[in-house]
Structures are given as C-alpha cells and as structure tokens.
N, C-alpha and C. Protein backbone atom coordinates (compact mmCIF):
# COMPACT_ATOMS: atom_id res chain seq x y z
N MET A 1 0.86 -1.19 0.01
CA MET A 1 0.01 0.02 0.02
C MET A 1 0.88 1.25 -0.01
N ARG A 2 0.56 2.19 -0.80
CA ARG A 2 1.32 3.41 -0.98
C ARG A 2 0.99 4.42 0.12
N THR A 3 2.03 5.09 0.60
CA THR A 3 1.86 6.15 1.62
C THR A 3 1.35 7.39 0.90
N PRO A 4 0.29 8.04 1.44
CA PRO A 4 -0.16 9.27 0.81
C PRO A 4 0.88 10.37 0.82
N THR A 5 0.90 11.16 -0.22
CA THR A 5 1.81 12.34 -0.26
C THR A 5 1.32 13.36 0.76
N TRP A 6 2.19 14.32 1.03
CA TRP A 6 1.79 15.39 1.97
C TRP A 6 0.62 16.18 1.40
N GLN A 7 0.61 16.40 0.10
CA GLN A 7 -0.48 17.11 -0.53
C GLN A 7 -1.78 16.34 -0.39
N GLU A 8 -1.72 15.02 -0.56
CA GLU A 8 -2.93 14.19 -0.40
C GLU A 8 -3.41 14.23 1.03
N ARG A 9 -2.49 14.27 1.97
CA ARG A 9 -2.87 14.38 3.40
C ARG A 9 -3.57 15.70 3.66
N LEU A 10 -3.09 16.77 3.06
CA LEU A 10 -3.77 18.08 3.21
C LEU A 10 -5.17 18.03 2.57
N ASP A 11 -5.25 17.43 1.42
CA ASP A 11 -6.50 17.40 0.66
C ASP A 11 -7.64 16.72 1.44
N ILE A 12 -7.34 15.75 2.30
CA ILE A 12 -8.38 15.05 3.00
C ILE A 12 -8.71 15.68 4.34
N CYS A 13 -7.96 16.70 4.73
CA CYS A 13 -8.26 17.42 5.97
C CYS A 13 -9.58 18.13 5.86
N ARG A 14 -10.35 18.04 6.93
CA ARG A 14 -11.69 18.68 6.95
C ARG A 14 -11.80 19.78 8.00
N THR A 15 -10.76 19.87 8.86
CA THR A 15 -10.80 20.86 9.95
C THR A 15 -9.44 21.59 10.04
N GLU A 16 -9.47 22.73 10.65
CA GLU A 16 -8.26 23.47 10.93
C GLU A 16 -7.30 22.59 11.76
N ARG A 17 -7.83 21.92 12.78
CA ARG A 17 -7.00 21.12 13.65
C ARG A 17 -6.25 20.00 12.88
N GLU A 18 -6.94 19.40 11.91
CA GLU A 18 -6.28 18.37 11.09
C GLU A 18 -5.17 18.97 10.25
N ILE A 19 -5.38 20.16 9.70
CA ILE A 19 -4.33 20.79 8.89
C ILE A 19 -3.12 21.14 9.77
N VAL A 20 -3.36 21.65 10.96
CA VAL A 20 -2.28 21.96 11.86
C VAL A 20 -1.48 20.71 12.18
N GLU A 21 -2.19 19.60 12.44
CA GLU A 21 -1.51 18.34 12.77
C GLU A 21 -0.67 17.84 11.61
N VAL A 22 -1.25 17.86 10.37
CA VAL A 22 -0.45 17.45 9.21
C VAL A 22 0.74 18.36 9.00
N SER A 23 0.54 19.66 9.22
CA SER A 23 1.65 20.62 9.08
C SER A 23 2.78 20.35 10.09
N ARG A 24 2.39 20.06 11.33
CA ARG A 24 3.41 19.71 12.34
C ARG A 24 4.17 18.44 11.94
N ASN A 25 3.43 17.44 11.46
CA ASN A 25 4.08 16.20 11.04
C ASN A 25 4.98 16.41 9.83
N TYR A 26 4.56 17.25 8.92
CA TYR A 26 5.40 17.52 7.77
C TYR A 26 6.71 18.21 8.23
N PHE A 27 6.57 19.18 9.08
CA PHE A 27 7.75 19.87 9.57
C PHE A 27 8.67 18.92 10.35
N ALA A 28 8.08 18.01 11.12
CA ALA A 28 8.84 17.06 11.90
C ALA A 28 9.56 16.02 11.02
N SER A 29 9.16 15.90 9.76
CA SER A 29 9.77 14.96 8.90
C SER A 29 11.18 15.39 8.39
N PHE A 30 11.52 16.65 8.69
CA PHE A 30 12.83 17.18 8.28
C PHE A 30 13.86 16.95 9.39
N ASP A 31 15.08 16.85 8.98
CA ASP A 31 16.19 16.68 9.94
C ASP A 31 16.36 17.94 10.76
N HIS A 32 16.49 17.78 12.06
CA HIS A 32 16.60 18.93 12.97
C HIS A 32 17.82 19.81 12.61
N PHE A 33 18.92 19.20 12.23
CA PHE A 33 20.13 19.95 11.86
C PHE A 33 19.84 20.84 10.63
N GLU A 34 19.12 20.25 9.67
CA GLU A 34 18.79 21.00 8.46
C GLU A 34 17.92 22.20 8.79
N ILE A 35 16.91 22.01 9.63
CA ILE A 35 16.01 23.08 10.02
C ILE A 35 16.71 24.14 10.86
N SER A 36 17.61 23.69 11.72
CA SER A 36 18.32 24.65 12.61
C SER A 36 19.22 25.61 11.84
N ARG A 37 19.59 25.23 10.64
CA ARG A 37 20.47 26.11 9.85
C ARG A 37 19.69 27.07 8.95
N LEU A 38 18.39 27.01 8.97
CA LEU A 38 17.58 27.95 8.20
C LEU A 38 17.76 29.36 8.74
N PRO A 39 17.61 30.37 7.87
CA PRO A 39 17.62 31.75 8.36
C PRO A 39 16.46 31.94 9.36
N ASP A 40 16.64 32.79 10.34
CA ASP A 40 15.63 32.99 11.35
C ASP A 40 14.22 33.25 10.83
N PRO A 41 14.02 34.11 9.81
CA PRO A 41 12.65 34.33 9.31
C PRO A 41 11.99 33.05 8.77
N CYS A 42 12.75 32.02 8.50
CA CYS A 42 12.21 30.79 7.92
C CYS A 42 12.04 29.68 8.95
N LYS A 43 12.23 30.02 10.19
CA LYS A 43 12.01 29.03 11.28
C LYS A 43 10.68 29.37 11.93
N PRO A 44 9.77 28.41 12.00
CA PRO A 44 8.50 28.72 12.66
C PRO A 44 8.68 28.79 14.18
N SER A 45 7.99 29.71 14.83
CA SER A 45 8.09 29.81 16.28
C SER A 45 7.18 28.73 16.89
N ARG A 46 6.05 28.46 16.26
CA ARG A 46 5.12 27.47 16.76
C ARG A 46 4.07 27.21 15.71
N LEU A 47 3.47 26.05 15.78
CA LEU A 47 2.36 25.70 14.90
C LEU A 47 1.22 25.17 15.79
N VAL A 48 0.44 26.10 16.32
CA VAL A 48 -0.60 25.74 17.28
C VAL A 48 -1.98 25.81 16.62
N CYS A 49 -2.16 26.76 15.73
CA CYS A 49 -3.46 26.98 15.11
C CYS A 49 -3.29 27.32 13.62
N GLY A 50 -4.40 27.44 12.97
CA GLY A 50 -4.37 27.75 11.53
C GLY A 50 -3.68 29.04 11.22
N ALA A 51 -3.85 30.04 12.10
CA ALA A 51 -3.17 31.34 11.87
C ALA A 51 -1.65 31.15 11.87
N ASP A 52 -1.14 30.27 12.71
CA ASP A 52 0.32 30.03 12.74
C ASP A 52 0.78 29.43 11.43
N VAL A 53 -0.01 28.47 10.91
CA VAL A 53 0.32 27.84 9.62
C VAL A 53 0.34 28.90 8.51
N SER A 54 -0.70 29.74 8.48
CA SER A 54 -0.81 30.76 7.47
C SER A 54 0.31 31.82 7.59
N GLN A 55 0.63 32.21 8.81
CA GLN A 55 1.70 33.20 9.00
C GLN A 55 3.04 32.61 8.55
N TYR A 56 3.28 31.36 8.85
CA TYR A 56 4.51 30.73 8.42
C TYR A 56 4.58 30.63 6.90
N ALA A 57 3.48 30.26 6.27
CA ALA A 57 3.43 30.19 4.80
C ALA A 57 3.79 31.53 4.19
N LEU A 58 3.23 32.60 4.73
CA LEU A 58 3.48 33.95 4.20
C LEU A 58 4.91 34.38 4.46
N ALA A 59 5.47 34.02 5.63
CA ALA A 59 6.87 34.35 5.96
C ALA A 59 7.82 33.65 4.95
N LEU A 60 7.52 32.40 4.67
CA LEU A 60 8.38 31.67 3.72
C LEU A 60 8.25 32.27 2.31
N ALA A 61 7.02 32.58 1.91
CA ALA A 61 6.79 33.16 0.59
C ALA A 61 7.45 34.55 0.45
N ASP A 62 7.48 35.26 1.55
CA ASP A 62 8.02 36.61 1.58
C ASP A 62 9.56 36.65 1.62
N TYR A 63 10.16 35.55 2.10
CA TYR A 63 11.61 35.51 2.26
C TYR A 63 12.26 35.49 0.89
N GLY A 64 13.10 36.46 0.63
CA GLY A 64 13.78 36.56 -0.66
C GLY A 64 15.09 35.82 -0.68
N CYS A 65 15.07 34.56 -1.10
CA CYS A 65 16.33 33.85 -1.20
C CYS A 65 16.66 33.65 -2.67
N SER A 66 17.96 33.69 -2.94
CA SER A 66 18.38 33.50 -4.33
C SER A 66 18.70 32.02 -4.51
N GLU A 67 18.75 31.62 -5.76
CA GLU A 67 19.07 30.21 -6.05
C GLU A 67 20.44 29.82 -5.55
N SER A 68 21.33 30.78 -5.37
CA SER A 68 22.66 30.47 -4.88
C SER A 68 22.71 30.28 -3.35
N ASP A 69 21.61 30.66 -2.69
CA ASP A 69 21.48 30.48 -1.24
C ASP A 69 21.47 28.97 -0.97
N GLY A 70 22.28 28.55 -0.02
CA GLY A 70 22.40 27.12 0.31
C GLY A 70 21.10 26.57 0.89
N HIS A 71 20.18 27.39 1.32
CA HIS A 71 18.95 26.92 1.89
C HIS A 71 17.77 27.04 0.95
N ALA A 72 18.00 27.52 -0.28
CA ALA A 72 16.90 27.81 -1.19
C ALA A 72 16.01 26.62 -1.46
N GLU A 73 16.56 25.48 -1.70
CA GLU A 73 15.76 24.27 -2.04
C GLU A 73 14.83 23.94 -0.87
N LEU A 74 15.36 23.93 0.35
CA LEU A 74 14.56 23.58 1.50
C LEU A 74 13.50 24.65 1.75
N ILE A 75 13.85 25.92 1.61
CA ILE A 75 12.86 26.99 1.80
C ILE A 75 11.75 26.85 0.77
N HIS A 76 12.07 26.54 -0.45
CA HIS A 76 11.07 26.40 -1.51
C HIS A 76 10.15 25.22 -1.26
N ARG A 77 10.73 24.11 -0.76
CA ARG A 77 9.92 22.93 -0.42
C ARG A 77 8.97 23.25 0.74
N LEU A 78 9.48 23.92 1.77
CA LEU A 78 8.64 24.30 2.90
C LEU A 78 7.54 25.26 2.46
N ALA A 79 7.94 26.24 1.66
CA ALA A 79 6.96 27.24 1.17
C ALA A 79 5.85 26.58 0.35
N ALA A 80 6.23 25.67 -0.53
CA ALA A 80 5.22 24.99 -1.38
C ALA A 80 4.19 24.26 -0.52
N PHE A 81 4.66 23.55 0.48
CA PHE A 81 3.72 22.83 1.37
C PHE A 81 2.87 23.79 2.19
N PHE A 82 3.53 24.74 2.86
CA PHE A 82 2.77 25.60 3.75
C PHE A 82 1.84 26.57 3.02
N ILE A 83 2.14 26.93 1.81
CA ILE A 83 1.18 27.73 1.01
C ILE A 83 -0.04 26.88 0.68
N GLN A 84 0.19 25.60 0.36
CA GLN A 84 -0.94 24.70 0.10
C GLN A 84 -1.78 24.51 1.37
N ALA A 85 -1.12 24.41 2.53
CA ALA A 85 -1.86 24.28 3.80
C ALA A 85 -2.68 25.56 4.03
N HIS A 86 -2.06 26.69 3.79
CA HIS A 86 -2.77 27.97 3.92
C HIS A 86 -4.03 28.03 3.02
N LEU A 87 -3.89 27.61 1.79
CA LEU A 87 -4.99 27.61 0.85
C LEU A 87 -6.08 26.62 1.29
N ARG A 88 -5.68 25.46 1.82
CA ARG A 88 -6.66 24.50 2.34
C ARG A 88 -7.43 25.08 3.53
N LEU A 89 -6.71 25.78 4.39
CA LEU A 89 -7.38 26.47 5.50
C LEU A 89 -8.42 27.46 5.01
N ALA A 90 -8.06 28.20 3.98
CA ALA A 90 -8.99 29.18 3.41
C ALA A 90 -10.22 28.51 2.83
N ARG A 91 -10.05 27.37 2.15
CA ARG A 91 -11.20 26.65 1.58
C ARG A 91 -12.09 26.13 2.67
N ILE A 92 -11.50 25.59 3.75
CA ILE A 92 -12.30 25.09 4.85
C ILE A 92 -13.06 26.24 5.55
N ALA A 93 -12.39 27.38 5.75
CA ALA A 93 -13.02 28.54 6.36
C ALA A 93 -14.18 29.03 5.46
N GLU A 94 -13.98 29.02 4.21
CA GLU A 94 -15.02 29.49 3.28
C GLU A 94 -16.27 28.62 3.40
N THR A 95 -16.06 27.30 3.43
CA THR A 95 -17.18 26.35 3.55
C THR A 95 -17.84 26.49 4.91
N THR A 96 -17.04 26.62 5.98
CA THR A 96 -17.58 26.73 7.32
C THR A 96 -18.37 28.01 7.50
N ASN A 97 -17.91 29.10 6.91
CA ASN A 97 -18.55 30.40 7.05
C ASN A 97 -19.75 30.59 6.13
N ASP A 98 -20.00 29.63 5.28
CA ASP A 98 -21.07 29.73 4.32
C ASP A 98 -22.45 29.64 4.93
N GLY A 99 -22.62 29.05 6.09
CA GLY A 99 -23.90 28.93 6.72
C GLY A 99 -24.60 27.65 6.37
N ASP A 100 -24.79 27.36 5.09
CA ASP A 100 -25.47 26.10 4.74
C ASP A 100 -24.46 25.01 4.42
N GLY A 101 -23.17 25.32 4.49
CA GLY A 101 -22.15 24.28 4.37
C GLY A 101 -21.86 23.81 2.98
N ASP A 102 -22.51 24.41 1.95
CA ASP A 102 -22.30 23.93 0.62
C ASP A 102 -21.06 24.55 -0.06
N GLY A 103 -20.41 25.49 0.61
CA GLY A 103 -19.22 26.08 0.05
C GLY A 103 -19.47 27.18 -0.95
N ASP A 104 -20.73 27.46 -1.23
CA ASP A 104 -21.09 28.49 -2.19
C ASP A 104 -21.45 29.76 -1.44
N SER A 105 -20.45 30.56 -1.10
CA SER A 105 -20.68 31.73 -0.25
C SER A 105 -21.26 32.90 -1.01
N VAL A 106 -21.27 32.85 -2.32
CA VAL A 106 -21.84 33.96 -3.11
C VAL A 106 -23.26 33.49 -3.54
N LYS A 107 -24.23 34.21 -3.03
CA LYS A 107 -25.61 33.84 -3.34
C LYS A 107 -26.11 34.58 -4.57
N GLN A 108 -26.81 33.87 -5.38
CA GLN A 108 -27.41 34.42 -6.59
C GLN A 108 -28.70 35.12 -6.24
N SER A 109 -28.93 36.28 -6.79
CA SER A 109 -30.20 36.97 -6.56
C SER A 109 -31.13 36.65 -7.72
N ALA A 110 -32.41 36.55 -7.43
CA ALA A 110 -33.42 36.17 -8.44
C ALA A 110 -33.79 37.31 -9.35
C-alpha cells in the first residue's frame, strides 16, 4: 500500500485542527540539523493553530532567497507545502462560514 503524499494528506483534511496536525508532522519529517540552519525568518516559532500555519506560509513566501542560497531548495519545499496548507485552511473557512455548508458563499439573486 502506498503512503499518501503530503499534498494528499492536506486534501483530506476537513478541519483546521487536522491541517495543523499534518503541518506539524510535515515539519517534523525534516532533519533537525537541516532546520536549525535555516535563516531566522524561515524558522516557525510554533504551529498551534491555523493562523500560525498561514503566517509561516506567508513568511516563507516573503523571504527573498536566491538560487545560490544554500537553503533555497529547503525553503522552496517548505513554502510549497505551507502555502498549500494555507490555501486549504482558506477553503475550509469558506465552507464553514457559508452557513449552509455547501461552500457556495456567493448567493445568486433572483
């Protein structure tokens, strides 16, 4: 049996809590030494709630590293995952805030 990819794990999340848990597990899959050598803006302080996941995604996306930066590949991998987690959080929030739960937050007028 094939292990689901990290993206597939995010795709099946239905709650903020699930996304935070998958995000923590993703981050934990990296070598501590590798993570400890990241520039300070690219180290998460904590991943407790969806806002932490989103803030980390934006911090990674905002960090300007060049391809010659020794950390660029890792930063790009982290950014790709956490941006997808941020987008998944937004989709879940949109569905949750919709009221009838159908995900269609824009109502058509007759």
